[in-house]
C-alpha atoms as a PDB file:
ATOM      1  CA  UNK A   1       0.000   0.000   0.000  1.00  0.00           C
ATOM      2  CA  UNK A   2       1.401   3.278  -1.093  1.00  0.00           C
ATOM      3  CA  UNK A   3       1.606   6.179   1.310  1.00  0.00           C
ATOM      4  CA  UNK A   4      -0.692   9.050   0.493  1.00  0.00           C
ATOM      5  CA  UNK A   5       1.637  11.422   2.250  1.00  0.00           C
ATOM      6  CA  UNK A   6       4.290  10.726  -0.322  1.00  0.00           C
ATOM      7  CA  UNK A   7       2.129  12.230  -3.026  1.00  0.00           C
ATOM      8  CA  UNK A   8       1.296  15.493  -1.130  1.00  0.00           C
ATOM      9  CA  UNK A   9       2.964  18.671  -2.332  1.00  0.00           C
ATOM     10  CA  UNK A  10       4.640  20.864   0.225  1.00  0.00           C
ATOM     11  CA  UNK A  11       2.489  23.792   1.641  1.00  0.00           C
ATOM     12  CA  UNK A  12       2.858  27.345   0.256  1.00  0.00           C
ATOM     13  CA  UNK A  13       3.256  30.476   2.442  1.00  0.00           C
ATOM     14  CA  UNK A  14       1.952  33.614   0.782  1.00  0.00           C
ATOM     15  CA  UNK A  15       2.812  37.038   2.276  1.00  0.00           C
ATOM     16  CA  UNK A  16       0.080  39.635   1.784  1.00  0.00           C
ATOM     17  CA  UNK A  17       1.473  43.185   1.987  1.00  0.00           C
ATOM     18  CA  UNK A  18      -0.709  46.087   3.220  1.00  0.00           C
ATOM     19  CA  UNK A  19      -2.235  48.146   0.490  1.00  0.00           C
ATOM     20  CA  UNK A  20      -0.939  51.417   1.990  1.00  0.00           C
ATOM     21  CA  UNK A  21       2.578  52.564   2.803  1.00  0.00           C
ATOM     22  CA  UNK A  22       1.943  54.106   6.319  1.00  0.00           C
ATOM     23  CA  UNK A  23       0.538  57.330   4.901  1.00  0.00           C
ATOM     24  CA  UNK A  24      -2.630  57.123   6.991  1.00  0.00           C
ATOM     25  CA  UNK A  25      -0.641  56.818  10.212  1.00  0.00           C
ATOM     26  CA  UNK A  26       1.471  59.843   9.382  1.00  0.00           C
ATOM     27  CA  UNK A  27      -1.606  61.879   8.527  1.00  0.00           C
ATOM     28  CA  UNK A  28      -3.258  61.021  11.862  1.00  0.00           C
ATOM     29  CA  UNK A  29      -0.125  62.036  13.775  1.00  0.00           C
ATOM     30  CA  UNK A  30       0.110  65.306  11.867  1.00  0.00           C
ATOM     31  CA  UNK A  31      -3.543  66.150  12.585  1.00  0.00           C
ATOM     32  CA  UNK A  32      -3.039  65.380  16.294  1.00  0.00           C
ATOM     33  CA  UNK A  33       0.082  67.545  16.448  1.00  0.00           C
ATOM     34  CA  UNK A  34      -1.686  70.402  14.651  1.00  0.00           C
ATOM     35  CA  UNK A  35      -4.589  70.198  17.114  1.00  0.00           C
ATOM     36  CA  UNK A  36      -2.218  70.421  20.076  1.00  0.00           C
ATOM     37  CA  UNK A  37      -0.455  73.441  18.572  1.00  0.00           C
ATOM     38  CA  UNK A  38      -3.713  75.284  17.862  1.00  0.00           C
ATOM     39  CA  UNK A  39      -5.075  74.642  21.375  1.00  0.00           C
ATOM     40  CA  UNK A  40      -1.812  75.692  23.006  1.00  0.00           C
ATOM     41  CA  UNK A  41      -1.643  78.884  20.967  1.00  0.00           C
ATOM     42  CA  UNK A  42      -5.222  79.786  21.863  1.00  0.00           C
ATOM     43  CA  UNK A  43      -4.518  79.362  25.575  1.00  0.00           C
ATOM     44  CA  UNK A  44      -1.433  81.555  25.389  1.00  0.00           C
ATOM     45  CA  UNK A  45      -3.283  84.281  23.497  1.00  0.00           C
ATOM     46  CA  UNK A  46      -6.158  84.351  25.997  1.00  0.00           C
ATOM     47  CA  UNK A  47      -3.904  84.646  29.032  1.00  0.00           C
ATOM     48  CA  UNK A  48      -2.961  88.242  29.877  1.00  0.00           C
ATOM     49  CA  UNK A  49       0.657  88.958  30.480  1.00  0.00           C
ATOM     50  CA  UNK A  50       0.100  92.141  32.498  1.00  0.00           C
ATOM     51  CA  UNK A  51       1.711  92.318  35.904  1.00  0.00           C
ATOM     52  CA  UNK A  52      -0.304  92.732  39.090  1.00  0.00           C
ATOM     53  CA  UNK A  53      -1.434  96.324  39.386  1.00  0.00           C
ATOM     54  CA  UNK A  54      -0.695  97.742  42.790  1.00  0.00           C
ATOM     55  CA  UNK A  55      -2.797 100.344  44.591  1.00  0.00           C
ATOM     56  CA  UNK A  56      -1.489 103.842  43.737  1.00  0.00           C
ATOM     57  CA  UNK A  57       0.461 105.575  46.495  1.00  0.00           C
ATOM     58  CA  UNK A  58      -2.250 108.213  46.839  1.00  0.00           C
ATOM     59  CA  UNK A  59      -4.948 105.619  47.612  1.00  0.00           C
ATOM     60  CA  UNK A  60      -5.653 103.397  50.624  1.00  0.00           C
ATOM     61  CA  UNK A  61      -7.363 100.023  50.471  1.00  0.00           C
ATOM     62  CA  UNK A  62     -10.162 100.236  53.028  1.00  0.00           C
ATOM     63  CA  UNK A  63     -10.058  96.547  53.904  1.00  0.00           C
ATOM     64  CA  UNK A  64      -6.273  96.180  54.097  1.00  0.00           C
ATOM     65  CA  UNK A  65      -4.777  99.473  55.267  1.00  0.00           C
ATOM     66  CA  UNK A  66      -7.204 100.942  57.818  1.00  0.00           C
ATOM     67  CA  UNK A  67      -7.221 100.386  61.551  1.00  0.00           C
ATOM     68  CA  UNK A  68     -10.364  98.879  63.048  1.00  0.00           C
ATOM     69  CA  UNK A  69     -11.636 102.257  64.273  1.00  0.00           C
ATOM     70  CA  UNK A  70     -10.864 103.914  60.937  1.00  0.00           C
ATOM     71  CA  UNK A  71     -12.655 101.171  59.026  1.00  0.00           C
ATOM     72  CA  UNK A  72     -15.743 101.684  61.181  1.00  0.00           C
ATOM     73  CA  UNK A  73     -15.710 105.419  60.441  1.00  0.00           C
ATOM     74  CA  UNK A  74     -15.174 104.745  56.741  1.00  0.00           C
ATOM     75  CA  UNK A  75     -18.137 102.343  56.666  1.00  0.00           C
ATOM     76  CA  UNK A  76     -20.276 104.994  58.337  1.00  0.00           C
ATOM     77  CA  UNK A  77     -19.284 107.636  55.784  1.00  0.00           C
ATOM     78  CA  UNK A  78     -19.759 105.164  52.936  1.00  0.00           C
ATOM     79  CA  UNK A  79     -23.377 104.557  53.928  1.00  0.00           C
ATOM     80  CA  UNK A  80     -24.064 108.161  54.968  1.00  0.00           C
ATOM     81  CA  UNK A  81     -22.910 109.676  51.666  1.00  0.00           C
ATOM     82  CA  UNK A  82     -25.936 108.488  49.601  1.00  0.00           C
ATOM     83  CA  UNK A  83     -28.290 109.870  52.260  1.00  0.00           C
ATOM     84  CA  UNK A  84     -26.484 113.211  52.207  1.00  0.00           C
ATOM     85  CA  UNK A  85     -26.792 113.255  48.415  1.00  0.00           C
ATOM     86  CA  UNK A  86     -30.542 112.563  48.603  1.00  0.00           C
ATOM     87  CA  UNK A  87     -30.951 115.346  51.176  1.00  0.00           C
ATOM     88  CA  UNK A  88     -29.145 117.712  48.799  1.00  0.00           C
ATOM     89  CA  UNK A  89     -31.463 116.799  45.934  1.00  0.00           C
ATOM     90  CA  UNK A  90     -34.684 116.944  47.968  1.00  0.00           C
ATOM     91  CA  UNK A  91     -34.111 120.084  50.057  1.00  0.00           C
ATOM     92  CA  UNK A  92     -33.445 122.827  47.539  1.00  0.00           C
ATOM     93  CA  UNK A  93     -29.859 121.796  46.720  1.00  0.00           C
ATOM     94  CA  UNK A  94     -28.824 122.422  50.316  1.00  0.00           C
ATOM     95  CA  UNK A  95     -26.265 120.234  52.046  1.00  0.00           C
ATOM     96  CA  UNK A  96     -27.230 119.001  55.532  1.00  0.00           C
ATOM     97  CA  UNK A  97     -25.327 120.350  58.502  1.00  0.00           C
ATOM     98  CA  UNK A  98     -23.492 118.152  60.986  1.00  0.00           C
ATOM     99  CA  UNK A  99     -26.196 118.861  63.574  1.00  0.00           C
ATOM    100  CA  UNK A 100     -28.897 117.715  61.165  1.00  0.00           C
ATOM    101  CA  UNK A 101     -27.028 114.491  60.434  1.00  0.00           C
ATOM    102  CA  UNK A 102     -26.568 113.870  64.136  1.00  0.00           C
ATOM    103  CA  UNK A 103     -30.222 114.540  64.889  1.00  0.00           C
ATOM    104  CA  UNK A 104     -31.154 111.993  62.222  1.00  0.00           C
ATOM    105  CA  UNK A 105     -28.910 109.419  63.974  1.00  0.00           C
ATOM    106  CA  UNK A 106     -26.669 108.944  60.943  1.00  0.00           C
ATOM    107  CA  UNK A 107     -23.274 107.377  61.748  1.00  0.00           C
ATOM    108  CA  UNK A 108     -20.529 108.440  62.097  1.00  0.00           C
ATOM    109  CA  UNK A 109     -21.991 111.841  62.999  1.00  0.00           C
ATOM    110  CA  UNK A 110     -24.172 110.701  65.882  1.00  0.00           C
ATOM    111  CA  UNK A 111     -22.290 110.758  69.179  1.00  0.00           C
ATOM    112  CA  UNK A 112     -23.075 107.321  70.537  1.00  0.00           C
ATOM    113  CA  UNK A 113     -21.003 104.517  72.075  1.00  0.00           C
ATOM    114  CA  UNK A 114     -19.566 103.495  68.696  1.00  0.00           C
ATOM    115  CA  UNK A 115     -18.582 107.123  68.062  1.00  0.00           C
ATOM    116  CA  UNK A 116     -16.582 107.145  71.305  1.00  0.00           C
ATOM    117  CA  UNK A 117     -14.935 103.804  70.551  1.00  0.00           C
ATOM    118  CA  UNK A 118     -13.829 105.002  67.109  1.00  0.00           C
ATOM    119  CA  UNK A 119     -11.974 108.088  68.321  1.00  0.00           C
ATOM    120  CA  UNK A 120     -14.743 110.590  69.196  1.00  0.00           C
ATOM    121  CA  UNK A 121     -14.435 112.346  65.860  1.00  0.00           C
ATOM    122  CA  UNK A 122     -15.631 115.952  65.769  1.00  0.00           C
ATOM    123  CA  UNK A 123     -17.065 116.961  62.402  1.00  0.00           C
ATOM    124  CA  UNK A 124     -17.130 120.317  60.644  1.00  0.00           C
ATOM    125  CA  UNK A 125     -19.005 121.237  57.487  1.00  0.00           C
ATOM    126  CA  UNK A 126     -18.060 123.673  54.731  1.00  0.00           C
ATOM    127  CA  UNK A 127     -19.147 124.457  51.183  1.00  0.00           C
ATOM    128  CA  UNK A 128     -17.129 125.217  48.066  1.00  0.00           C
ATOM    129  CA  UNK A 129     -19.431 126.653  45.419  1.00  0.00           C
ATOM    130  CA  UNK A 130     -18.589 128.243  42.066  1.00  0.00           C
ATOM    131  CA  UNK A 131     -20.319 128.477  38.715  1.00  0.00           C
ATOM    132  CA  UNK A 132     -19.311 124.915  37.858  1.00  0.00           C
ATOM    133  CA  UNK A 133     -18.890 123.332  41.281  1.00  0.00           C
ATOM    134  CA  UNK A 134     -21.068 122.710  44.305  1.00  0.00           C
ATOM    135  CA  UNK A 135     -18.967 120.697  46.719  1.00  0.00           C
ATOM    136  CA  UNK A 136     -19.637 119.956  50.374  1.00  0.00           C
ATOM    137  CA  UNK A 137     -16.833 119.008  52.737  1.00  0.00           C
ATOM    138  CA  UNK A 138     -17.298 117.062  55.964  1.00  0.00           C
ATOM    139  CA  UNK A 139     -14.021 117.007  57.886  1.00  0.00           C
ATOM    140  CA  UNK A 140     -13.538 114.872  60.991  1.00  0.00           C
ATOM    141  CA  UNK A 141     -10.810 115.310  63.599  1.00  0.00           C
ATOM    142  CA  UNK A 142     -10.593 112.631  66.322  1.00  0.00           C
ATOM    143  CA  UNK A 143     -10.219 113.634  69.942  1.00  0.00           C
ATOM    144  CA  UNK A 144      -8.344 110.385  70.470  1.00  0.00           C
ATOM    145  CA  UNK A 145      -5.612 110.650  67.872  1.00  0.00           C
ATOM    146  CA  UNK A 146      -4.118 107.260  68.652  1.00  0.00           C
ATOM    147  CA  UNK A 147      -7.208 105.556  67.197  1.00  0.00           C
ATOM    148  CA  UNK A 148      -7.745 107.393  63.949  1.00  0.00           C
ATOM    149  CA  UNK A 149      -6.438 109.946  61.491  1.00  0.00           C
ATOM    150  CA  UNK A 150      -8.482 112.800  60.041  1.00  0.00           C
ATOM    151  CA  UNK A 151     -11.306 112.008  57.642  1.00  0.00           C
ATOM    152  CA  UNK A 152     -12.620 114.030  54.724  1.00  0.00           C
ATOM    153  CA  UNK A 153     -15.912 113.309  52.980  1.00  0.00           C
ATOM    154  CA  UNK A 154     -16.142 115.211  49.682  1.00  0.00           C
ATOM    155  CA  UNK A 155     -19.650 115.419  48.237  1.00  0.00           C
ATOM    156  CA  UNK A 156     -19.230 116.183  44.534  1.00  0.00           C
ATOM    157  CA  UNK A 157     -22.850 115.942  43.486  1.00  0.00           C
ATOM    158  CA  UNK A 158     -23.257 115.690  39.685  1.00  0.00           C
ATOM    159  CA  UNK A 159     -21.341 118.693  38.463  1.00  0.00           C
ATOM    160  CA  UNK A 160     -18.061 119.037  36.592  1.00  0.00           C
ATOM    161  CA  UNK A 161     -15.338 116.756  37.934  1.00  0.00           C
ATOM    162  CA  UNK A 162     -12.729 118.378  40.147  1.00  0.00           C
ATOM    163  CA  UNK A 163      -9.924 119.869  38.085  1.00  0.00           C
ATOM    164  CA  UNK A 164      -6.511 118.288  38.455  1.00  0.00           C
ATOM    165  CA  UNK A 165      -7.890 114.886  39.316  1.00  0.00           C
ATOM    166  CA  UNK A 166      -5.447 112.000  39.463  1.00  0.00           C
ATOM    167  CA  UNK A 167      -7.991 109.403  38.425  1.00  0.00           C
ATOM    168  CA  UNK A 168     -10.544 108.907  35.695  1.00  0.00           C
ATOM    169  CA  UNK A 169     -12.560 111.675  34.101  1.00  0.00           C
ATOM    170  CA  UNK A 170     -15.791 110.295  35.539  1.00  0.00           C
ATOM    171  CA  UNK A 171     -16.414 110.147  39.253  1.00  0.00           C
ATOM    172  CA  UNK A 172     -18.709 108.922  41.972  1.00  0.00           C
ATOM    173  CA  UNK A 173     -20.894 111.548  43.666  1.00  0.00           C
ATOM    174  CA  UNK A 174     -18.608 111.434  46.693  1.00  0.00           C
ATOM    175  CA  UNK A 175     -15.055 110.600  47.792  1.00  0.00           C
ATOM    176  CA  UNK A 176     -13.586 109.660  51.172  1.00  0.00           C
ATOM    177  CA  UNK A 177     -10.057 110.734  52.099  1.00  0.00           C
ATOM    178  CA  UNK A 178      -7.855 110.054  55.137  1.00  0.00           C
ATOM    179  CA  UNK A 179      -4.934 111.969  56.605  1.00  0.00           C
ATOM    180  CA  UNK A 180      -2.503 110.279  58.974  1.00  0.00           C
ATOM    181  CA  UNK A 181      -2.532 113.320  61.259  1.00  0.00           C
ATOM    182  CA  UNK A 182      -5.494 113.614  63.650  1.00  0.00           C
ATOM    183  CA  UNK A 183      -5.300 117.401  63.270  1.00  0.00           C
ATOM    184  CA  UNK A 184      -4.979 117.837  59.505  1.00  0.00           C
ATOM    185  CA  UNK A 185      -5.883 121.260  58.129  1.00  0.00           C
ATOM    186  CA  UNK A 186      -9.219 121.695  56.431  1.00  0.00           C
ATOM    187  CA  UNK A 187      -8.467 122.078  52.691  1.00  0.00           C
ATOM    188  CA  UNK A 188      -9.406 125.366  51.093  1.00  0.00           C
ATOM    189  CA  UNK A 189      -9.157 123.887  47.602  1.00  0.00           C
ATOM    190  CA  UNK A 190     -10.420 120.487  46.542  1.00  0.00           C
ATOM    191  CA  UNK A 191      -8.558 118.850  43.696  1.00  0.00           C
ATOM    192  CA  UNK A 192      -6.946 115.454  43.821  1.00  0.00           C
ATOM    193  CA  UNK A 193      -3.453 116.876  43.395  1.00  0.00           C
ATOM    194  CA  UNK A 194      -3.903 119.490  46.113  1.00  0.00           C
ATOM    195  CA  UNK A 195      -5.163 116.893  48.580  1.00  0.00           C
ATOM    196  CA  UNK A 196      -2.342 114.504  47.677  1.00  0.00           C
ATOM    197  CA  UNK A 197       0.247 117.243  48.152  1.00  0.00           C
ATOM    198  CA  UNK A 198      -1.221 118.007  51.591  1.00  0.00           C
ATOM    199  CA  UNK A 199      -0.853 114.382  52.671  1.00  0.00           C
ATOM    200  CA  UNK A 200      -4.412 113.174  52.107  1.00  0.00           C
ATOM    201  CA  UNK A 201      -5.004 109.735  50.582  1.00  0.00           C
ATOM    202  CA  UNK A 202      -8.248 108.533  49.033  1.00  0.00           C
ATOM    203  CA  UNK A 203      -9.830 105.505  50.683  1.00  0.00           C
ATOM    204  CA  UNK A 204     -11.251 103.014  48.195  1.00  0.00           C
ATOM    205  CA  UNK A 205     -13.383  99.952  48.813  1.00  0.00           C
ATOM    206  CA  UNK A 206     -12.903  97.545  45.932  1.00  0.00           C
ATOM    207  CA  UNK A 207     -15.507  94.987  44.994  1.00  0.00           C
ATOM    208  CA  UNK A 208     -14.509  91.475  43.990  1.00  0.00           C
ATOM    209  CA  UNK A 209     -14.711  92.407  40.298  1.00  0.00           C
ATOM    210  CA  UNK A 210     -12.574  95.509  40.883  1.00  0.00           C
ATOM    211  CA  UNK A 211      -9.905  93.429  42.597  1.00  0.00           C
ATOM    212  CA  UNK A 212      -9.867  90.918  39.732  1.00  0.00           C
ATOM    213  CA  UNK A 213      -9.408  93.751  37.233  1.00  0.00           C
ATOM    214  CA  UNK A 214      -6.612  95.209  39.342  1.00  0.00           C
ATOM    215  CA  UNK A 215      -4.671  91.952  39.538  1.00  0.00           C
ATOM    216  CA  UNK A 216      -5.476  90.358  36.185  1.00  0.00           C
ATOM    217  CA  UNK A 217      -6.082  93.322  33.911  1.00  0.00           C
ATOM    218  CA  UNK A 218      -9.128  95.139  32.580  1.00  0.00           C
ATOM    219  CA  UNK A 219      -9.957  92.465  29.989  1.00  0.00           C
ATOM    220  CA  UNK A 220      -9.741  89.413  32.259  1.00  0.00           C
ATOM    221  CA  UNK A 221     -13.400  88.539  31.596  1.00  0.00           C
ATOM    222  CA  UNK A 222     -13.074  88.660  27.815  1.00  0.00           C
END
């Protein structure tokens, strides 16, 4: 009996090459690299490179630079200013006197326990009025100088901005200034530069958005 195996032909191995030459792989890698470059460039362009903007020397940060007693007085002036402005608008463009503010129990003019704790500040009231200005000044000198400096509330109303200002051309209807001396002279002229030269510094209370703009730049939200 003959062996069947002897009549079998040896097996064939056929190599099937891929139809492509690796072009698809290179294209995918190039697209991925391009995507990474575009995304990275977009991130860099959106990030601002401006340095942190510090508070100007002629300003004081209410929540960082004031003593506890000074901050209490500032908060009182900050809330009293809108009421003083309303009084001015409602009562024949007349600014209220210190006695009127005290009789209406408006801090920091009312002489209560908090007033004593914050330096027993004595307030005076004066008016600067010209054809283009109608400014009221409320100046406070503490009896207890170790607790507070002198305060100045400037009511600007809605007239022409003070000349010589060190800030923007627009303004709030009032400004609050502080002098390190408890016996600072009452200013006879009210411009930013005059006050700065006399040693006064404007007290500012920044909101969260203001602080973000200061540290990250004006266009941080864009």
